[in-house]
Amino acid sequence: DEKRDAHLKSVDFFDVEIFKVINFCANRYENSA
């Protein structure tokens, strides 16, 4: 949905004009089966 995507990119959510990246850095692992 283009309108919803535009809203999610806006300052109400991700504010993509200012914040260009979402980042995840793993730092530990547990409970390996």
PDB file of all heavy atoms in Angstrom:
ATOM      1  N   ASP A   1       0.864  -1.175   0.000  1.00  0.00           N
ATOM      2  CA  ASP A   1       0.000   0.000   0.000  1.00  0.00           C
ATOM      3  C   ASP A   1       0.905   1.231   0.000  1.00  0.00           C
ATOM      4  O   ASP A   1       1.572   1.505   1.006  1.00  0.00           O
ATOM      5  CB  ASP A   1      -0.909  -0.016   1.224  1.00  0.00           C
ATOM      6  CG  ASP A   1      -1.851   1.166   1.286  1.00  0.00           C
ATOM      7  OD1 ASP A   1      -1.404   2.322   1.113  1.00  0.00           O
ATOM      8  OD2 ASP A   1      -3.054   0.945   1.533  1.00  0.00           O
ATOM      9  N   GLU A   2       0.942   1.966  -1.107  1.00  0.00           N
ATOM     10  CA  GLU A   2       1.864   3.101  -1.242  1.00  0.00           C
ATOM     11  C   GLU A   2       1.637   4.164  -0.174  1.00  0.00           C
ATOM     12  O   GLU A   2       2.600   4.737   0.349  1.00  0.00           O
ATOM     13  CB  GLU A   2       1.739   3.732  -2.631  1.00  0.00           C
ATOM     14  CG  GLU A   2       2.342   2.885  -3.732  1.00  0.00           C
ATOM     15  CD  GLU A   2       2.234   3.555  -5.097  1.00  0.00           C
ATOM     16  OE1 GLU A   2       2.073   4.797  -5.155  1.00  0.00           O
ATOM     17  OE2 GLU A   2       2.328   2.820  -6.097  1.00  0.00           O
ATOM     18  N   LYS A   3       0.381   4.458   0.170  1.00  0.00           N
ATOM     19  CA  LYS A   3       0.097   5.473   1.190  1.00  0.00           C
ATOM     20  C   LYS A   3       0.603   5.027   2.557  1.00  0.00           C
ATOM     21  O   LYS A   3       1.185   5.805   3.301  1.00  0.00           O
ATOM     22  CB  LYS A   3      -1.402   5.785   1.247  1.00  0.00           C
ATOM     23  CG  LYS A   3      -1.894   6.577   0.064  1.00  0.00           C
ATOM     24  CD  LYS A   3      -3.365   6.884   0.213  1.00  0.00           C
ATOM     25  CE  LYS A   3      -3.870   7.656  -0.992  1.00  0.00           C
ATOM     26  NZ  LYS A   3      -5.302   7.957  -0.887  1.00  0.00           N
ATOM     27  N   ARG A   4       0.377   3.770   2.890  1.00  0.00           N
ATOM     28  CA  ARG A   4       0.861   3.257   4.172  1.00  0.00           C
ATOM     29  C   ARG A   4       2.389   3.263   4.194  1.00  0.00           C
ATOM     30  O   ARG A   4       2.995   3.661   5.178  1.00  0.00           O
ATOM     31  CB  ARG A   4       0.322   1.849   4.439  1.00  0.00           C
ATOM     32  CG  ARG A   4       0.817   1.289   5.763  1.00  0.00           C
ATOM     33  CD  ARG A   4       0.209  -0.062   6.127  1.00  0.00           C
ATOM     34  NE  ARG A   4       0.117  -0.973   5.014  1.00  0.00           N
ATOM     35  CZ  ARG A   4      -1.012  -1.580   4.642  1.00  0.00           C
ATOM     36  NH1 ARG A   4      -2.141  -1.377   5.278  1.00  0.00           N
ATOM     37  NH2 ARG A   4      -1.008  -2.415   3.616  1.00  0.00           N
ATOM     38  N   ASP A   5       3.019   2.835   3.087  1.00  0.00           N
ATOM     39  CA  ASP A   5       4.480   2.850   3.022  1.00  0.00           C
ATOM     40  C   ASP A   5       5.015   4.267   3.216  1.00  0.00           C
ATOM     41  O   ASP A   5       5.991   4.481   3.953  1.00  0.00           O
ATOM     42  CB  ASP A   5       4.975   2.275   1.696  1.00  0.00           C
ATOM     43  CG  ASP A   5       4.689   0.787   1.553  1.00  0.00           C
ATOM     44  OD1 ASP A   5       4.286   0.141   2.549  1.00  0.00           O
ATOM     45  OD2 ASP A   5       4.865   0.265   0.443  1.00  0.00           O
ATOM     46  N   ALA A   6       4.383   5.248   2.598  1.00  0.00           N
ATOM     47  CA  ALA A   6       4.804   6.650   2.760  1.00  0.00           C
ATOM     48  C   ALA A   6       4.654   7.085   4.213  1.00  0.00           C
ATOM     49  O   ALA A   6       5.527   7.788   4.753  1.00  0.00           O
ATOM     50  CB  ALA A   6       4.000   7.555   1.837  1.00  0.00           C
ATOM     51  N   HIS A   7       3.578   6.659   4.876  1.00  0.00           N
ATOM     52  CA  HIS A   7       3.375   7.010   6.285  1.00  0.00           C
ATOM     53  C   HIS A   7       4.454   6.360   7.157  1.00  0.00           C
ATOM     54  O   HIS A   7       4.993   6.995   8.062  1.00  0.00           O
ATOM     55  CB  HIS A   7       1.977   6.597   6.745  1.00  0.00           C
ATOM     56  CG  HIS A   7       1.648   7.088   8.112  1.00  0.00           C
ATOM     57  ND1 HIS A   7       0.792   6.416   8.952  1.00  0.00           N
ATOM     58  CD2 HIS A   7       2.063   8.175   8.806  1.00  0.00           C
ATOM     59  CE1 HIS A   7       0.691   7.061  10.098  1.00  0.00           C
ATOM     60  NE2 HIS A   7       1.453   8.140  10.041  1.00  0.00           N
ATOM     61  N   LEU A   8       4.783   5.110   6.874  1.00  0.00           N
ATOM     62  CA  LEU A   8       5.825   4.429   7.657  1.00  0.00           C
ATOM     63  C   LEU A   8       7.195   5.075   7.464  1.00  0.00           C
ATOM     64  O   LEU A   8       8.024   5.050   8.367  1.00  0.00           O
ATOM     65  CB  LEU A   8       5.873   2.948   7.290  1.00  0.00           C
ATOM     66  CG  LEU A   8       4.665   2.134   7.758  1.00  0.00           C
ATOM     67  CD1 LEU A   8       4.654   0.761   7.103  1.00  0.00           C
ATOM     68  CD2 LEU A   8       4.647   2.017   9.269  1.00  0.00           C
ATOM     69  N   LYS A   9       7.438   5.679   6.320  1.00  0.00           N
ATOM     70  CA  LYS A   9       8.703   6.372   6.057  1.00  0.00           C
ATOM     71  C   LYS A   9       8.753   7.760   6.698  1.00  0.00           C
ATOM     72  O   LYS A   9       9.824   8.336   6.839  1.00  0.00           O
ATOM     73  CB  LYS A   9       8.929   6.509   4.549  1.00  0.00           C
ATOM     74  CG  LYS A   9       9.131   5.186   3.840  1.00  0.00           C
ATOM     75  CD  LYS A   9       9.178   5.387   2.335  1.00  0.00           C
ATOM     76  CE  LYS A   9       9.118   4.066   1.598  1.00  0.00           C
ATOM     77  NZ  LYS A   9       9.132   4.263   0.133  1.00  0.00           N
ATOM     78  N   SER A  10       7.609   8.273   7.105  1.00  0.00           N
ATOM     79  CA  SER A  10       7.500   9.644   7.626  1.00  0.00           C
ATOM     80  C   SER A  10       8.032   9.754   9.059  1.00  0.00           C
ATOM     81  O   SER A  10       8.417   8.763   9.684  1.00  0.00           O
ATOM     82  CB  SER A  10       6.041  10.089   7.584  1.00  0.00           C
ATOM     83  OG  SER A  10       5.315   9.529   8.671  1.00  0.00           O
ATOM     84  N   VAL A  11       7.992  10.994   9.586  1.00  0.00           N
ATOM     85  CA  VAL A  11       8.457  11.243  10.964  1.00  0.00           C
ATOM     86  C   VAL A  11       7.607  10.513  11.991  1.00  0.00           C
ATOM     87  O   VAL A  11       8.054  10.298  13.117  1.00  0.00           O
ATOM     88  CB  VAL A  11       8.513  12.757  11.278  1.00  0.00           C
ATOM     89  CG1 VAL A  11       9.540  13.450  10.421  1.00  0.00           C
ATOM     90  CG2 VAL A  11       7.146  13.405  11.136  1.00  0.00           C
ATOM     91  N   ASP A  12       6.378  10.095  11.634  1.00  0.00           N
ATOM     92  CA  ASP A  12       5.542   9.329  12.566  1.00  0.00           C
ATOM     93  C   ASP A  12       6.148   7.969  12.902  1.00  0.00           C
ATOM     94  O   ASP A  12       5.870   7.404  13.964  1.00  0.00           O
ATOM     95  CB  ASP A  12       4.145   9.104  11.988  1.00  0.00           C
ATOM     96  CG  ASP A  12       3.272  10.343  12.030  1.00  0.00           C
ATOM     97  OD1 ASP A  12       3.593  11.276  12.788  1.00  0.00           O
ATOM     98  OD2 ASP A  12       2.262  10.362  11.293  1.00  0.00           O
ATOM     99  N   PHE A  13       6.966   7.431  11.988  1.00  0.00           N
ATOM    100  CA  PHE A  13       7.565   6.116  12.209  1.00  0.00           C
ATOM    101  C   PHE A  13       9.079   6.169  11.995  1.00  0.00           C
ATOM    102  O   PHE A  13       9.814   6.556  12.888  1.00  0.00           O
ATOM    103  CB  PHE A  13       6.908   5.053  11.319  1.00  0.00           C
ATOM    104  CG  PHE A  13       5.520   4.690  11.755  1.00  0.00           C
ATOM    105  CD1 PHE A  13       4.411   5.269  11.157  1.00  0.00           C
ATOM    106  CD2 PHE A  13       5.311   3.780  12.784  1.00  0.00           C
ATOM    107  CE1 PHE A  13       3.130   4.953  11.573  1.00  0.00           C
ATOM    108  CE2 PHE A  13       4.036   3.455  13.215  1.00  0.00           C
ATOM    109  CZ  PHE A  13       2.939   4.043  12.601  1.00  0.00           C
ATOM    110  N   PHE A  14       9.574   5.784  10.824  1.00  0.00           N
ATOM    111  CA  PHE A  14      11.022   5.608  10.619  1.00  0.00           C
ATOM    112  C   PHE A  14      11.786   6.889  10.303  1.00  0.00           C
ATOM    113  O   PHE A  14      13.000   6.898  10.394  1.00  0.00           O
ATOM    114  CB  PHE A  14      11.280   4.566   9.522  1.00  0.00           C
ATOM    115  CG  PHE A  14      10.846   3.183   9.910  1.00  0.00           C
ATOM    116  CD1 PHE A  14       9.893   2.512   9.175  1.00  0.00           C
ATOM    117  CD2 PHE A  14      11.407   2.552  11.014  1.00  0.00           C
ATOM    118  CE1 PHE A  14       9.496   1.237   9.529  1.00  0.00           C
ATOM    119  CE2 PHE A  14      11.013   1.274  11.381  1.00  0.00           C
ATOM    120  CZ  PHE A  14      10.053   0.618  10.638  1.00  0.00           C
ATOM    121  N   ASP A  15      11.122   7.936   9.900  1.00  0.00           N
ATOM    122  CA  ASP A  15      11.775   9.219   9.601  1.00  0.00           C
ATOM    123  C   ASP A  15      12.994   9.008   8.695  1.00  0.00           C
ATOM    124  O   ASP A  15      14.123   9.367   9.024  1.00  0.00           O
ATOM    125  CB  ASP A  15      12.174   9.918  10.900  1.00  0.00           C
ATOM    126  CG  ASP A  15      12.453  11.394  10.721  1.00  0.00           C
ATOM    127  OD1 ASP A  15      12.315  11.915   9.589  1.00  0.00           O
ATOM    128  OD2 ASP A  15      12.827  12.043  11.717  1.00  0.00           O
ATOM    129  N   VAL A  16      12.743   8.438   7.523  1.00  0.00           N
ATOM    130  CA  VAL A  16      13.826   8.010   6.629  1.00  0.00           C
ATOM    131  C   VAL A  16      14.643   9.149   6.043  1.00  0.00           C
ATOM    132  O   VAL A  16      15.750   8.916   5.553  1.00  0.00           O
ATOM    133  CB  VAL A  16      13.308   7.082   5.501  1.00  0.00           C
ATOM    134  CG1 VAL A  16      12.633   5.850   6.083  1.00  0.00           C
ATOM    135  CG2 VAL A  16      12.379   7.823   4.554  1.00  0.00           C
ATOM    136  N   GLU A  17      14.139  10.362   6.098  1.00  0.00           N
ATOM    137  CA  GLU A  17      14.928  11.500   5.615  1.00  0.00           C
ATOM    138  C   GLU A  17      16.132  11.743   6.526  1.00  0.00           C
ATOM    139  O   GLU A  17      17.178  12.190   6.075  1.00  0.00           O
ATOM    140  CB  GLU A  17      14.071  12.757   5.514  1.00  0.00           C
ATOM    141  CG  GLU A  17      13.027  12.687   4.416  1.00  0.00           C
ATOM    142  CD  GLU A  17      13.632  12.522   3.029  1.00  0.00           C
ATOM    143  OE1 GLU A  17      14.632  13.195   2.720  1.00  0.00           O
ATOM    144  OE2 GLU A  17      13.095  11.705   2.255  1.00  0.00           O
ATOM    145  N   ILE A  18      15.983  11.437   7.798  1.00  0.00           N
ATOM    146  CA  ILE A  18      17.079  11.638   8.765  1.00  0.00           C
ATOM    147  C   ILE A  18      17.788  10.324   9.081  1.00  0.00           C
ATOM    148  O   ILE A  18      19.014  10.274   9.140  1.00  0.00           O
ATOM    149  CB  ILE A  18      16.543  12.286  10.055  1.00  0.00           C
ATOM    150  CG1 ILE A  18      16.053  13.702   9.740  1.00  0.00           C
ATOM    151  CG2 ILE A  18      17.617  12.315  11.145  1.00  0.00           C
ATOM    152  CD1 ILE A  18      15.398  14.412  10.893  1.00  0.00           C
ATOM    153  N   PHE A  19      17.040   9.250   9.285  1.00  0.00           N
ATOM    154  CA  PHE A  19      17.617   7.966   9.708  1.00  0.00           C
ATOM    155  C   PHE A  19      17.611   6.998   8.530  1.00  0.00           C
ATOM    156  O   PHE A  19      16.592   6.429   8.177  1.00  0.00           O
ATOM    157  CB  PHE A  19      16.831   7.403  10.897  1.00  0.00           C
ATOM    158  CG  PHE A  19      16.849   8.326  12.080  1.00  0.00           C
ATOM    159  CD1 PHE A  19      15.766   9.151  12.349  1.00  0.00           C
ATOM    160  CD2 PHE A  19      17.962   8.398  12.900  1.00  0.00           C
ATOM    161  CE1 PHE A  19      15.787  10.014  13.437  1.00  0.00           C
ATOM    162  CE2 PHE A  19      17.991   9.266  13.986  1.00  0.00           C
ATOM    163  CZ  PHE A  19      16.896  10.076  14.248  1.00  0.00           C
ATOM    164  N   LYS A  20      18.764   6.825   7.922  1.00  0.00           N
ATOM    165  CA  LYS A  20      18.913   6.070   6.669  1.00  0.00           C
ATOM    166  C   LYS A  20      19.100   4.566   6.874  1.00  0.00           C
ATOM    167  O   LYS A  20      19.027   3.802   5.915  1.00  0.00           O
ATOM    168  CB  LYS A  20      20.099   6.601   5.867  1.00  0.00           C
ATOM    169  CG  LYS A  20      20.079   8.098   5.635  1.00  0.00           C
ATOM    170  CD  LYS A  20      19.025   8.494   4.661  1.00  0.00           C
ATOM    171  CE  LYS A  20      19.143   9.987   4.344  1.00  0.00           C
ATOM    172  NZ  LYS A  20      17.971  10.495   3.701  1.00  0.00           N
ATOM    173  N   VAL A  21      19.384   4.144   8.116  1.00  0.00           N
ATOM    174  CA  VAL A  21      19.745   2.743   8.361  1.00  0.00           C
ATOM    175  C   VAL A  21      19.094   2.242   9.646  1.00  0.00           C
ATOM    176  O   VAL A  21      19.021   2.959  10.643  1.00  0.00           O
ATOM    177  CB  VAL A  21      21.283   2.594   8.473  1.00  0.00           C
ATOM    178  CG1 VAL A  21      21.684   1.196   8.909  1.00  0.00           C
ATOM    179  CG2 VAL A  21      21.958   2.961   7.171  1.00  0.00           C
ATOM    180  N   ILE A  22      18.627   1.001   9.599  1.00  0.00           N
ATOM    181  CA  ILE A  22      18.275   0.239  10.797  1.00  0.00           C
ATOM    182  C   ILE A  22      19.358  -0.821  10.924  1.00  0.00           C
ATOM    183  O   ILE A  22      19.715  -1.472   9.943  1.00  0.00           O
ATOM    184  CB  ILE A  22      16.883  -0.398  10.676  1.00  0.00           C
ATOM    185  CG1 ILE A  22      15.816   0.703  10.661  1.00  0.00           C
ATOM    186  CG2 ILE A  22      16.635  -1.396  11.801  1.00  0.00           C
ATOM    187  CD1 ILE A  22      14.405   0.203  10.408  1.00  0.00           C
ATOM    188  N   ASN A  23      19.907  -0.986  12.130  1.00  0.00           N
ATOM    189  CA  ASN A  23      21.064  -1.855  12.328  1.00  0.00           C
ATOM    190  C   ASN A  23      20.810  -2.874  13.433  1.00  0.00           C
ATOM    191  O   ASN A  23      20.168  -2.555  14.435  1.00  0.00           O
ATOM    192  CB  ASN A  23      22.269  -0.979  12.682  1.00  0.00           C
ATOM    193  CG  ASN A  23      23.522  -1.767  12.928  1.00  0.00           C
ATOM    194  OD1 ASN A  23      23.930  -1.917  14.060  1.00  0.00           O
ATOM    195  ND2 ASN A  23      24.139  -2.264  11.876  1.00  0.00           N
ATOM    196  N   PHE A  24      21.318  -4.093  13.237  1.00  0.00           N
ATOM    197  CA  PHE A  24      21.303  -5.124  14.275  1.00  0.00           C
ATOM    198  C   PHE A  24      22.693  -5.719  14.373  1.00  0.00           C
ATOM    199  O   PHE A  24      23.262  -6.147  13.357  1.00  0.00           O
ATOM    200  CB  PHE A  24      20.294  -6.239  13.943  1.00  0.00           C
ATOM    201  CG  PHE A  24      20.362  -7.385  14.904  1.00  0.00           C
ATOM    202  CD1 PHE A  24      19.777  -7.293  16.156  1.00  0.00           C
ATOM    203  CD2 PHE A  24      21.035  -8.545  14.558  1.00  0.00           C
ATOM    204  CE1 PHE A  24      19.864  -8.349  17.060  1.00  0.00           C
ATOM    205  CE2 PHE A  24      21.119  -9.602  15.454  1.00  0.00           C
ATOM    206  CZ  PHE A  24      20.533  -9.507  16.699  1.00  0.00           C
ATOM    207  N   CYS A  25      23.258  -5.737  15.587  1.00  0.00           N
ATOM    208  CA  CYS A  25      24.558  -6.374  15.850  1.00  0.00           C
ATOM    209  C   CYS A  25      24.364  -7.458  16.898  1.00  0.00           C
ATOM    210  O   CYS A  25      23.976  -7.166  18.034  1.00  0.00           O
ATOM    211  CB  CYS A  25      25.580  -5.355  16.355  1.00  0.00           C
ATOM    212  SG  CYS A  25      26.094  -4.192  15.097  1.00  0.00           S
ATOM    213  N   ALA A  26      24.605  -8.695  16.503  1.00  0.00           N
ATOM    214  CA  ALA A  26      24.483  -9.818  17.437  1.00  0.00           C
ATOM    215  C   ALA A  26      25.624  -9.764  18.434  1.00  0.00           C
ATOM    216  O   ALA A  26      26.753  -9.433  18.082  1.00  0.00           O
ATOM    217  CB  ALA A  26      24.507 -11.138  16.681  1.00  0.00           C
ATOM    218  N   ASN A  27      25.330 -10.108  19.710  1.00  0.00           N
ATOM    219  CA  ASN A  27      26.398 -10.101  20.707  1.00  0.00           C
ATOM    220  C   ASN A  27      26.478 -11.349  21.580  1.00  0.00           C
ATOM    221  O   ASN A  27      27.451 -11.524  22.285  1.00  0.00           O
ATOM    222  CB  ASN A  27      26.327  -8.833  21.573  1.00  0.00           C
ATOM    223  CG  ASN A  27      24.982  -8.636  22.228  1.00  0.00           C
ATOM    224  OD1 ASN A  27      24.315  -9.571  22.612  1.00  0.00           O
ATOM    225  ND2 ASN A  27      24.577  -7.377  22.330  1.00  0.00           N
ATOM    226  N   ARG A  28      25.459 -12.219  21.530  1.00  0.00           N
ATOM    227  CA  ARG A  28      25.585 -13.494  22.255  1.00  0.00           C
ATOM    228  C   ARG A  28      24.517 -14.482  21.789  1.00  0.00           C
ATOM    229  O   ARG A  28      23.495 -14.092  21.233  1.00  0.00           O
ATOM    230  CB  ARG A  28      25.566 -13.295  23.751  1.00  0.00           C
ATOM    231  CG  ARG A  28      24.247 -13.037  24.390  1.00  0.00           C
ATOM    232  CD  ARG A  28      24.412 -12.854  25.922  1.00  0.00           C
ATOM    233  NE  ARG A  28      23.157 -12.871  26.588  1.00  0.00           N
ATOM    234  CZ  ARG A  28      22.322 -11.843  26.675  1.00  0.00           C
ATOM    235  NH1 ARG A  28      22.625 -10.711  26.103  1.00  0.00           N
ATOM    236  NH2 ARG A  28      21.174 -11.962  27.316  1.00  0.00           N
ATOM    237  N   TYR A  29      24.824 -15.755  22.037  1.00  0.00           N
ATOM    238  CA  TYR A  29      23.958 -16.856  21.632  1.00  0.00           C
ATOM    239  C   TYR A  29      23.757 -17.759  22.833  1.00  0.00           C
ATOM    240  O   TYR A  29      24.679 -17.978  23.614  1.00  0.00           O
ATOM    241  CB  TYR A  29      24.593 -17.640  20.482  1.00  0.00           C
ATOM    242  CG  TYR A  29      24.967 -16.738  19.326  1.00  0.00           C
ATOM    243  CD1 TYR A  29      26.227 -16.145  19.257  1.00  0.00           C
ATOM    244  CD2 TYR A  29      24.047 -16.464  18.330  1.00  0.00           C
ATOM    245  CE1 TYR A  29      26.549 -15.295  18.218  1.00  0.00           C
ATOM    246  CE2 TYR A  29      24.365 -15.610  17.283  1.00  0.00           C
ATOM    247  CZ  TYR A  29      25.619 -15.038  17.233  1.00  0.00           C
ATOM    248  OH  TYR A  29      25.939 -14.186  16.206  1.00  0.00           O
ATOM    249  N   GLU A  30      22.542 -18.313  22.970  1.00  0.00           N
ATOM    250  CA  GLU A  30      22.236 -19.172  24.111  1.00  0.00           C
ATOM    251  C   GLU A  30      21.330 -20.317  23.694  1.00  0.00           C
ATOM    252  O   GLU A  30      20.640 -20.250  22.682  1.00  0.00           O
ATOM    253  CB  GLU A  30      21.527 -18.367  25.215  1.00  0.00           C
ATOM    254  CG  GLU A  30      22.394 -17.330  25.866  1.00  0.00           C
ATOM    255  CD  GLU A  30      21.666 -16.566  26.968  1.00  0.00           C
ATOM    256  OE1 GLU A  30      20.458 -16.809  27.194  1.00  0.00           O
ATOM    257  OE2 GLU A  30      22.321 -15.711  27.589  1.00  0.00           O
ATOM    258  N   ASN A  31      21.328 -21.337  24.554  1.00  0.00           N
ATOM    259  CA  ASN A  31      20.387 -22.454  24.470  1.00  0.00           C
ATOM    260  C   ASN A  31      20.401 -23.169  23.128  1.00  0.00           C
ATOM    261  O   ASN A  31      19.363 -23.441  22.537  1.00  0.00           O
ATOM    262  CB  ASN A  31      18.966 -21.986  24.810  1.00  0.00           C
ATOM    263  CG  ASN A  31      18.873 -21.392  26.193  1.00  0.00           C
ATOM    264  OD1 ASN A  31      19.539 -21.862  27.111  1.00  0.00           O
ATOM    265  ND2 ASN A  31      18.082 -20.359  26.350  1.00  0.00           N
ATOM    266  N   SER A  32      21.584 -23.485  22.672  1.00  0.00           N
ATOM    267  CA  SER A  32      21.710 -24.229  21.429  1.00  0.00           C
ATOM    268  C   SER A  32      21.169 -25.635  21.618  1.00  0.00           C
ATOM    269  O   SER A  32      21.497 -26.320  22.580  1.00  0.00           O
ATOM    270  CB  SER A  32      23.183 -24.287  21.007  1.00  0.00           C
ATOM    271  OG  SER A  32      23.325 -25.047  19.845  1.00  0.00           O
ATOM    272  N   ALA A  33      20.329 -26.056  20.703  1.00  0.00           N
ATOM    273  CA  ALA A  33      19.745 -27.395  20.756  1.00  0.00           C
ATOM    274  C   ALA A  33      20.234 -28.208  19.564  1.00  0.00           C
ATOM    275  O   ALA A  33      20.666 -27.664  18.557  1.00  0.00           O
ATOM    276  CB  ALA A  33      18.220 -27.308  20.749  1.00  0.00           C
TER     277      ALA A  33
END
